[in-house]
Every structure is written in structure tokens, then in C-alpha cells.
Amino acid sequence: MITLSHYLILSAILFCIGLVGVYRRKNLLLLLFSTEILLNAVNIGFAAISKFYGDLTGQMFAFFIVAVAASEVAVGLGLMIVWYKRRGTLDIDSMQSMHG
């Protein structure tokens, strides 16, 4: 039987994977994916705790996080397309130099 602790452990593992991805940040696309993994890990935690306590507050927070994640992806992909067209790469190290 799957309990609350199983969901929270899964959420913690996914959160750690997302943190490692954000920490490594070699590619802008991988940074965006890692951020999505972080947000999904929080969603799993909120939904599991909400189900465990029988309260819909956690599920509402998870719904709003999904909406924020969708807008983040839309804006992020748009910026990545513009960056790739200008620079020819999505490498984050190329963003270190400021050109006017």
C-alpha cells in the first residue's frame, strides 16, 4: 500500500534531481527542464499532503503552480529561440559576457 511517506520521498528525490540540474546549468534548455522538475516535485508534495488531510488547499496550490509553470515554459522557450538565433548556442557560459 502506498502511503503519504512514499509520495513525500518521491517528491524529495525529484526535488534533489531538479536541484542538481539547476546547479550544473550547462545548457539553458536543461535549466528550464530542471526548473520544471522542481515545480512538479512540489506539486506532488502538495497534492499528497492535501489528499492525506482531506483538504483541497494543497491541490489548489498545485493547480496554480501548474499555471505558473506553463507560463514560464512559454516565456522561456520564446527567449531561448531569440537567444539561439542571435548567438547560435544555448550554452549558459556564453551569457556571461555583456555586449551592448
C-alpha atoms as a PDB file:
ATOM      1  CA  MET A   1       0.000   0.000   0.000  1.00  0.00           C
ATOM      2  CA  ILE A   2       1.284   3.437  -0.931  1.00  0.00           C
ATOM      3  CA  THR A   3       1.311   5.886   1.975  1.00  0.00           C
ATOM      4  CA  LEU A   4       1.989   9.592   2.354  1.00  0.00           C
ATOM      5  CA  SER A   5       5.656   8.952   3.099  1.00  0.00           C
ATOM      6  CA  HIS A   6       6.101   7.233  -0.277  1.00  0.00           C
ATOM      7  CA  TYR A   7       4.793  10.306  -2.073  1.00  0.00           C
ATOM      8  CA  LEU A   8       6.938  12.640   0.009  1.00  0.00           C
ATOM      9  CA  ILE A   9      10.051  10.542  -0.621  1.00  0.00           C
ATOM     10  CA  LEU A  10       9.317  10.623  -4.362  1.00  0.00           C
ATOM     11  CA  SER A  11       8.818  14.375  -4.143  1.00  0.00           C
ATOM     12  CA  ALA A  12      12.125  14.809  -2.285  1.00  0.00           C
ATOM     13  CA  ILE A  13      14.012  12.660  -4.820  1.00  0.00           C
ATOM     14  CA  LEU A  14      12.582  14.629  -7.738  1.00  0.00           C
ATOM     15  CA  PHE A  15      13.393  17.892  -5.978  1.00  0.00           C
ATOM     16  CA  CYS A  16      17.007  16.781  -5.470  1.00  0.00           C
ATOM     17  CA  ILE A  17      17.277  15.789  -9.146  1.00  0.00           C
ATOM     18  CA  GLY A  18      15.965  19.220 -10.110  1.00  0.00           C
ATOM     19  CA  LEU A  19      18.428  20.959  -7.788  1.00  0.00           C
ATOM     20  CA  VAL A  20      21.330  19.039  -9.292  1.00  0.00           C
ATOM     21  CA  GLY A  21      20.161  20.077 -12.748  1.00  0.00           C
ATOM     22  CA  VAL A  22      19.907  23.728 -11.741  1.00  0.00           C
ATOM     23  CA  TYR A  23      23.301  23.552 -10.033  1.00  0.00           C
ATOM     24  CA  ARG A  24      25.040  22.086 -13.095  1.00  0.00           C
ATOM     25  CA  ARG A  25      23.330  24.511 -15.528  1.00  0.00           C
ATOM     26  CA  LYS A  26      25.386  23.838 -18.636  1.00  0.00           C
ATOM     27  CA  ASN A  27      22.583  24.401 -21.118  1.00  0.00           C
ATOM     28  CA  LEU A  28      19.651  26.799 -20.991  1.00  0.00           C
ATOM     29  CA  LEU A  29      17.202  24.114 -22.086  1.00  0.00           C
ATOM     30  CA  LEU A  30      18.361  21.761 -19.330  1.00  0.00           C
ATOM     31  CA  LEU A  31      17.984  24.601 -16.825  1.00  0.00           C
ATOM     32  CA  LEU A  32      14.373  25.027 -17.936  1.00  0.00           C
ATOM     33  CA  PHE A  33      13.744  21.272 -17.628  1.00  0.00           C
ATOM     34  CA  SER A  34      15.296  21.216 -14.167  1.00  0.00           C
ATOM     35  CA  THR A  35      13.037  24.047 -13.064  1.00  0.00           C
ATOM     36  CA  GLU A  36      10.035  22.064 -14.301  1.00  0.00           C
ATOM     37  CA  ILE A  37      11.187  19.034 -12.305  1.00  0.00           C
ATOM     38  CA  LEU A  38      11.439  21.226  -9.198  1.00  0.00           C
ATOM     39  CA  LEU A  39       7.924  22.551  -9.685  1.00  0.00           C
ATOM     40  CA  ASN A  40       6.499  19.077 -10.329  1.00  0.00           C
ATOM     41  CA  ALA A  41       8.153  17.761  -7.170  1.00  0.00           C
ATOM     42  CA  VAL A  42       6.453  20.489  -5.164  1.00  0.00           C
ATOM     43  CA  ASN A  43       3.149  19.660  -6.886  1.00  0.00           C
ATOM     44  CA  ILE A  44       3.423  16.010  -5.861  1.00  0.00           C
ATOM     45  CA  GLY A  45       4.081  17.026  -2.273  1.00  0.00           C
ATOM     46  CA  PHE A  46       1.189  19.483  -2.160  1.00  0.00           C
ATOM     47  CA  ALA A  47      -1.258  17.053  -3.743  1.00  0.00           C
ATOM     48  CA  ALA A  48      -0.214  14.168  -1.475  1.00  0.00           C
ATOM     49  CA  ILE A  49      -0.497  16.196   1.710  1.00  0.00           C
ATOM     50  CA  SER A  50      -3.797  17.631   0.543  1.00  0.00           C
ATOM     51  CA  LYS A  51      -5.191  14.147  -0.093  1.00  0.00           C
ATOM     52  CA  PHE A  52      -3.859  12.869   3.240  1.00  0.00           C
ATOM     53  CA  TYR A  53      -5.555  15.633   5.240  1.00  0.00           C
ATOM     54  CA  GLY A  54      -8.704  15.752   3.096  1.00  0.00           C
ATOM     55  CA  ASP A  55      -8.247  19.451   2.361  1.00  0.00           C
ATOM     56  CA  LEU A  56      -8.298  20.954  -1.131  1.00  0.00           C
ATOM     57  CA  THR A  57      -5.872  23.784  -0.335  1.00  0.00           C
ATOM     58  CA  GLY A  58      -2.789  21.840  -1.428  1.00  0.00           C
ATOM     59  CA  GLN A  59      -4.450  20.797  -4.658  1.00  0.00           C
ATOM     60  CA  MET A  60      -5.368  24.417  -5.398  1.00  0.00           C
ATOM     61  CA  PHE A  61      -1.752  25.460  -4.820  1.00  0.00           C
ATOM     62  CA  ALA A  62      -0.626  22.670  -7.145  1.00  0.00           C
ATOM     63  CA  PHE A  63      -3.058  23.915  -9.791  1.00  0.00           C
ATOM     64  CA  PHE A  64      -1.635  27.439  -9.581  1.00  0.00           C
ATOM     65  CA  ILE A  65       1.908  26.078  -9.765  1.00  0.00           C
ATOM     66  CA  VAL A  66       0.964  24.254 -12.978  1.00  0.00           C
ATOM     67  CA  ALA A  67      -0.342  27.546 -14.389  1.00  0.00           C
ATOM     68  CA  VAL A  68       2.870  29.355 -13.426  1.00  0.00           C
ATOM     69  CA  ALA A  69       4.966  26.540 -14.907  1.00  0.00           C
ATOM     70  CA  ALA A  70       3.048  26.744 -18.187  1.00  0.00           C
ATOM     71  CA  SER A  71       3.636  30.477 -18.460  1.00  0.00           C
ATOM     72  CA  GLU A  72       7.288  30.002 -17.511  1.00  0.00           C
ATOM     73  CA  VAL A  73       7.721  27.476 -20.306  1.00  0.00           C
ATOM     74  CA  ALA A  74       6.042  29.749 -22.853  1.00  0.00           C
ATOM     75  CA  VAL A  75       8.187  32.760 -21.973  1.00  0.00           C
ATOM     76  CA  GLY A  76      11.339  30.673 -21.509  1.00  0.00           C
ATOM     77  CA  LEU A  77      11.030  28.938 -24.876  1.00  0.00           C
ATOM     78  CA  GLY A  78      10.427  32.256 -26.592  1.00  0.00           C
ATOM     79  CA  LEU A  79      13.535  33.740 -25.012  1.00  0.00           C
ATOM     80  CA  MET A  80      15.559  30.650 -25.866  1.00  0.00           C
ATOM     81  CA  ILE A  81      14.564  30.866 -29.538  1.00  0.00           C
ATOM     82  CA  VAL A  82      15.621  34.515 -29.682  1.00  0.00           C
ATOM     83  CA  TRP A  83      18.886  33.731 -27.863  1.00  0.00           C
ATOM     84  CA  TYR A  84      19.667  30.824 -30.198  1.00  0.00           C
ATOM     85  CA  LYS A  85      19.011  32.931 -33.282  1.00  0.00           C
ATOM     86  CA  ARG A  86      21.364  35.651 -32.043  1.00  0.00           C
ATOM     87  CA  ARG A  87      24.163  33.555 -30.533  1.00  0.00           C
ATOM     88  CA  GLY A  88      23.846  30.170 -32.243  1.00  0.00           C
ATOM     89  CA  THR A  89      24.126  28.313 -28.937  1.00  0.00           C
ATOM     90  CA  LEU A  90      22.181  27.729 -25.749  1.00  0.00           C
ATOM     91  CA  ASP A  91      25.311  27.447 -23.613  1.00  0.00           C
ATOM     92  CA  ILE A  92      24.949  29.474 -20.429  1.00  0.00           C
ATOM     93  CA  ASP A  93      28.648  30.332 -20.338  1.00  0.00           C
ATOM     94  CA  SER A  94      28.129  32.476 -23.450  1.00  0.00           C
ATOM     95  CA  MET A  95      25.702  34.606 -21.427  1.00  0.00           C
ATOM     96  CA  GLN A  96      28.446  35.732 -19.049  1.00  0.00           C
ATOM     97  CA  SER A  97      29.716  38.422 -21.387  1.00  0.00           C
ATOM     98  CA  MET A  98      27.668  41.606 -21.648  1.00  0.00           C
ATOM     99  CA  HIS A  99      27.516  43.037 -25.170  1.00  0.00           C
ATOM    100  CA  GLY A 100      25.778  46.335 -25.797  1.00  0.00           C
END
